[in-house]
C-alpha atoms as a PDB file:
ATOM      1  CA  GLN A   1       4.577 -78.346   7.443  1.00  0.00           C
ATOM      2  CA  VAL A   2       1.500 -76.138   6.682  1.00  0.00           C
ATOM      3  CA  GLN A   3      -1.849 -77.675   7.384  1.00  0.00           C
ATOM      4  CA  LEU A   4      -5.277 -77.014   6.528  1.00  0.00           C
ATOM      5  CA  VAL A   5      -8.190 -78.932   8.658  1.00  0.00           C
ATOM      6  CA  GLU A   6     -12.126 -78.062   7.611  1.00  0.00           C
ATOM      7  CA  SER A   7     -14.643 -78.298   9.792  1.00  0.00           C
ATOM      8  CA  GLY A   8     -18.337 -77.304   9.829  1.00  0.00           C
ATOM      9  CA  GLY A   9     -20.085 -79.406   7.043  1.00  0.00           C
ATOM     10  CA  GLY A  10     -23.171 -81.595   7.798  1.00  0.00           C
ATOM     11  CA  LEU A  11     -26.675 -81.942   6.667  1.00  0.00           C
ATOM     12  CA  VAL A  12     -28.836 -79.162   5.762  1.00  0.00           C
ATOM     13  CA  GLN A  13     -32.444 -78.473   4.249  1.00  0.00           C
ATOM     14  CA  ALA A  14     -32.572 -76.660   1.240  1.00  0.00           C
ATOM     15  CA  GLY A  15     -32.684 -72.925   1.773  1.00  0.00           C
ATOM     16  CA  GLY A  16     -30.571 -73.399   5.102  1.00  0.00           C
ATOM     17  CA  SER A  17     -27.293 -72.136   5.956  1.00  0.00           C
ATOM     18  CA  LEU A  18     -24.002 -73.561   7.132  1.00  0.00           C
ATOM     19  CA  ARG A  19     -20.429 -71.887   8.128  1.00  0.00           C
ATOM     20  CA  LEU A  20     -17.266 -73.988   6.943  1.00  0.00           C
ATOM     21  CA  SER A  21     -14.296 -73.490   8.600  1.00  0.00           C
ATOM     22  CA  CYS A  22      -9.999 -73.968   7.901  1.00  0.00           C
ATOM     23  CA  ALA A  23      -7.786 -73.913  10.305  1.00  0.00           C
ATOM     24  CA  THR A  24      -4.530 -73.265   8.954  1.00  0.00           C
ATOM     25  CA  SER A  25      -1.403 -73.592  10.814  1.00  0.00           C
ATOM     26  CA  ARG A  26       0.064 -69.814   9.785  1.00  0.00           C
ATOM     27  CA  ASN A  27      -1.553 -66.781   9.475  1.00  0.00           C
ATOM     28  CA  PRO A  28      -4.093 -66.635   6.202  1.00  0.00           C
ATOM     29  CA  PHE A  29      -2.915 -63.408   5.285  1.00  0.00           C
ATOM     30  CA  SER A  30       0.377 -64.720   4.477  1.00  0.00           C
ATOM     31  CA  PHE A  31      -0.785 -67.011   1.638  1.00  0.00           C
ATOM     32  CA  ASN A  32      -1.050 -65.855  -2.099  1.00  0.00           C
ATOM     33  CA  VAL A  33      -4.567 -66.998  -2.100  1.00  0.00           C
ATOM     34  CA  VAL A  34      -6.829 -68.947   0.108  1.00  0.00           C
ATOM     35  CA  GLY A  35      -9.888 -70.605  -0.861  1.00  0.00           C
ATOM     36  CA  TRP A  36     -12.908 -73.015  -0.768  1.00  0.00           C
ATOM     37  CA  TYR A  37     -13.542 -75.798  -3.819  1.00  0.00           C
ATOM     38  CA  ARG A  38     -16.394 -77.913  -3.687  1.00  0.00           C
ATOM     39  CA  GLN A  39     -16.324 -81.717  -5.843  1.00  0.00           C
ATOM     40  CA  ALA A  40     -19.772 -83.403  -6.276  1.00  0.00           C
ATOM     41  CA  PRO A  41     -19.814 -87.260  -7.124  1.00  0.00           C
ATOM     42  CA  GLY A  42     -18.976 -87.934 -10.553  1.00  0.00           C
ATOM     43  CA  LYS A  43     -17.877 -84.172 -11.199  1.00  0.00           C
ATOM     44  CA  GLN A  44     -14.455 -81.921 -11.183  1.00  0.00           C
ATOM     45  CA  ARG A  45     -13.390 -80.190  -8.430  1.00  0.00           C
ATOM     46  CA  GLU A  46     -14.716 -76.220  -9.168  1.00  0.00           C
ATOM     47  CA  LEU A  47     -13.705 -73.169  -7.380  1.00  0.00           C
ATOM     48  CA  VAL A  48     -16.568 -71.989  -5.058  1.00  0.00           C
ATOM     49  CA  ALA A  49     -14.796 -68.670  -3.337  1.00  0.00           C
ATOM     50  CA  ARG A  50     -10.886 -67.625  -3.087  1.00  0.00           C
ATOM     51  CA  ILE A  51      -9.731 -64.177  -1.474  1.00  0.00           C
ATOM     52  CA  SER A  52      -5.964 -62.924  -2.595  1.00  0.00           C
ATOM     53  CA  SER A  53      -3.640 -61.927   0.044  1.00  0.00           C
ATOM     54  CA  GLY A  54      -4.310 -58.414  -0.660  1.00  0.00           C
ATOM     55  CA  GLY A  55      -8.113 -59.165  -0.209  1.00  0.00           C
ATOM     56  CA  ARG A  56      -9.434 -59.308  -3.600  1.00  0.00           C
ATOM     57  CA  THR A  57     -12.381 -61.660  -3.518  1.00  0.00           C
ATOM     58  CA  GLU A  58     -13.524 -64.159  -6.415  1.00  0.00           C
ATOM     59  CA  TYR A  59     -16.525 -66.166  -6.161  1.00  0.00           C
ATOM     60  CA  ALA A  60     -18.369 -68.951  -8.663  1.00  0.00           C
ATOM     61  CA  ASP A  61     -21.527 -67.318 -10.433  1.00  0.00           C
ATOM     62  CA  SER A  62     -23.639 -69.767  -8.946  1.00  0.00           C
ATOM     63  CA  VAL A  63     -22.631 -69.016  -5.105  1.00  0.00           C
ATOM     64  CA  THR A  64     -22.843 -64.908  -5.584  1.00  0.00           C
ATOM     65  CA  ASP A  65     -24.365 -63.174  -3.098  1.00  0.00           C
ATOM     66  CA  ARG A  66     -25.144 -66.063  -1.056  1.00  0.00           C
ATOM     67  CA  PHE A  67     -21.598 -67.449  -0.003  1.00  0.00           C
ATOM     68  CA  LEU A  68     -18.924 -65.327   1.683  1.00  0.00           C
ATOM     69  CA  ILE A  69     -15.407 -66.003   2.227  1.00  0.00           C
ATOM     70  CA  SER A  70     -13.434 -64.275   4.829  1.00  0.00           C
ATOM     71  CA  ARG A  71     -10.297 -64.803   7.492  1.00  0.00           C
ATOM     72  CA  ASP A  72      -9.341 -64.291  10.998  1.00  0.00           C
ATOM     73  CA  ALA A  73      -5.434 -63.689  11.674  1.00  0.00           C
ATOM     74  CA  ALA A  74      -5.913 -63.942  14.933  1.00  0.00           C
ATOM     75  CA  LYS A  75      -7.258 -67.347  15.164  1.00  0.00           C
ATOM     76  CA  ASN A  76      -5.206 -68.489  11.655  1.00  0.00           C
ATOM     77  CA  MET A  77      -8.602 -69.465  10.335  1.00  0.00           C
ATOM     78  CA  VAL A  78     -10.696 -69.221   6.851  1.00  0.00           C
ATOM     79  CA  TYR A  79     -14.536 -69.259   6.758  1.00  0.00           C
ATOM     80  CA  LEU A  80     -16.714 -69.626   4.333  1.00  0.00           C
ATOM     81  CA  GLN A  81     -20.775 -68.621   5.396  1.00  0.00           C
ATOM     82  CA  MET A  82     -23.073 -70.461   2.616  1.00  0.00           C
ATOM     83  CA  SER A  83     -26.735 -69.286   2.894  1.00  0.00           C
ATOM     84  CA  ASN A  84     -29.949 -70.543   0.903  1.00  0.00           C
ATOM     85  CA  LEU A  85     -28.196 -73.540  -0.144  1.00  0.00           C
ATOM     86  CA  LYS A  86     -29.367 -75.694  -2.912  1.00  0.00           C
ATOM     87  CA  PRO A  87     -29.592 -79.591  -3.238  1.00  0.00           C
ATOM     88  CA  LYS A  88     -27.277 -79.442  -6.292  1.00  0.00           C
ATOM     89  CA  GLU A  89     -24.469 -78.118  -4.309  1.00  0.00           C
ATOM     90  CA  THR A  90     -24.211 -81.331  -2.232  1.00  0.00           C
ATOM     91  CA  ALA A  91     -20.501 -81.931  -2.264  1.00  0.00           C
ATOM     92  CA  VAL A  92     -17.239 -82.382  -0.182  1.00  0.00           C
ATOM     93  CA  TYR A  93     -16.022 -78.938   0.198  1.00  0.00           C
ATOM     94  CA  TYR A  94     -12.147 -78.275   0.553  1.00  0.00           C
ATOM     95  CA  CYS A  95     -10.141 -75.236   1.800  1.00  0.00           C
ATOM     96  CA  HIS A  96      -7.273 -74.718  -0.497  1.00  0.00           C
ATOM     97  CA  ALA A  97      -4.391 -72.492   0.342  1.00  0.00           C
ATOM     98  CA  GLY A  98      -1.808 -71.033  -2.451  1.00  0.00           C
ATOM     99  CA  LEU A  99       2.051 -70.722  -2.135  1.00  0.00           C
ATOM    100  CA  ARG A 100       4.640 -69.734  -4.561  1.00  0.00           C
ATOM    101  CA  SER A 101       5.757 -72.952  -4.840  1.00  0.00           C
ATOM    102  CA  ALA A 102       3.186 -75.059  -4.189  1.00  0.00           C
ATOM    103  CA  ASP A 103      -0.459 -75.513  -3.489  1.00  0.00           C
ATOM    104  CA  LEU A 104      -2.125 -76.985  -0.073  1.00  0.00           C
ATOM    105  CA  TRP A 105      -5.251 -78.745   0.381  1.00  0.00           C
ATOM    106  CA  GLY A 106      -7.263 -80.039   3.390  1.00  0.00           C
ATOM    107  CA  GLN A 107      -9.097 -83.496   3.503  1.00  0.00           C
ATOM    108  CA  GLY A 108     -12.317 -82.005   2.804  1.00  0.00           C
ATOM    109  CA  THR A 109     -15.671 -81.710   4.664  1.00  0.00           C
ATOM    110  CA  GLN A 110     -19.095 -82.975   3.571  1.00  0.00           C
ATOM    111  CA  VAL A 111     -22.038 -80.648   3.007  1.00  0.00           C
ATOM    112  CA  THR A 112     -25.414 -82.810   2.254  1.00  0.00           C
ATOM    113  CA  VAL A 113     -28.281 -80.541   1.622  1.00  0.00           C
ATOM    114  CA  SER A 114     -31.888 -82.106   1.284  1.00  0.00           C
ATOM    115  CA  SER A 115     -34.662 -81.220  -0.682  1.00  0.00           C
END
């Protein structure tokens, strides 16, 4: 059973930085795609960033140049480095991994950005 476990969320002031981590139970390069989504209260879950098995990255327009997704095969980890955070980015952040026949989600980690 493949599992995803997020960590690294917390409270940060506007303009601050956080690094989210997602521990995967297998090599993150083995997924078709791994990425991060977020869901704010009362809103739909949205893509933040993702990276394909071949290394192609995709970012939401609102986070380009501020967020960076990366992965570490040796540690079975996926990271999301976030900088210059904004209050509107307060949300639960979810790790996602895509396989040919399934979509996997972590339990989420709360990020709160205070003004």
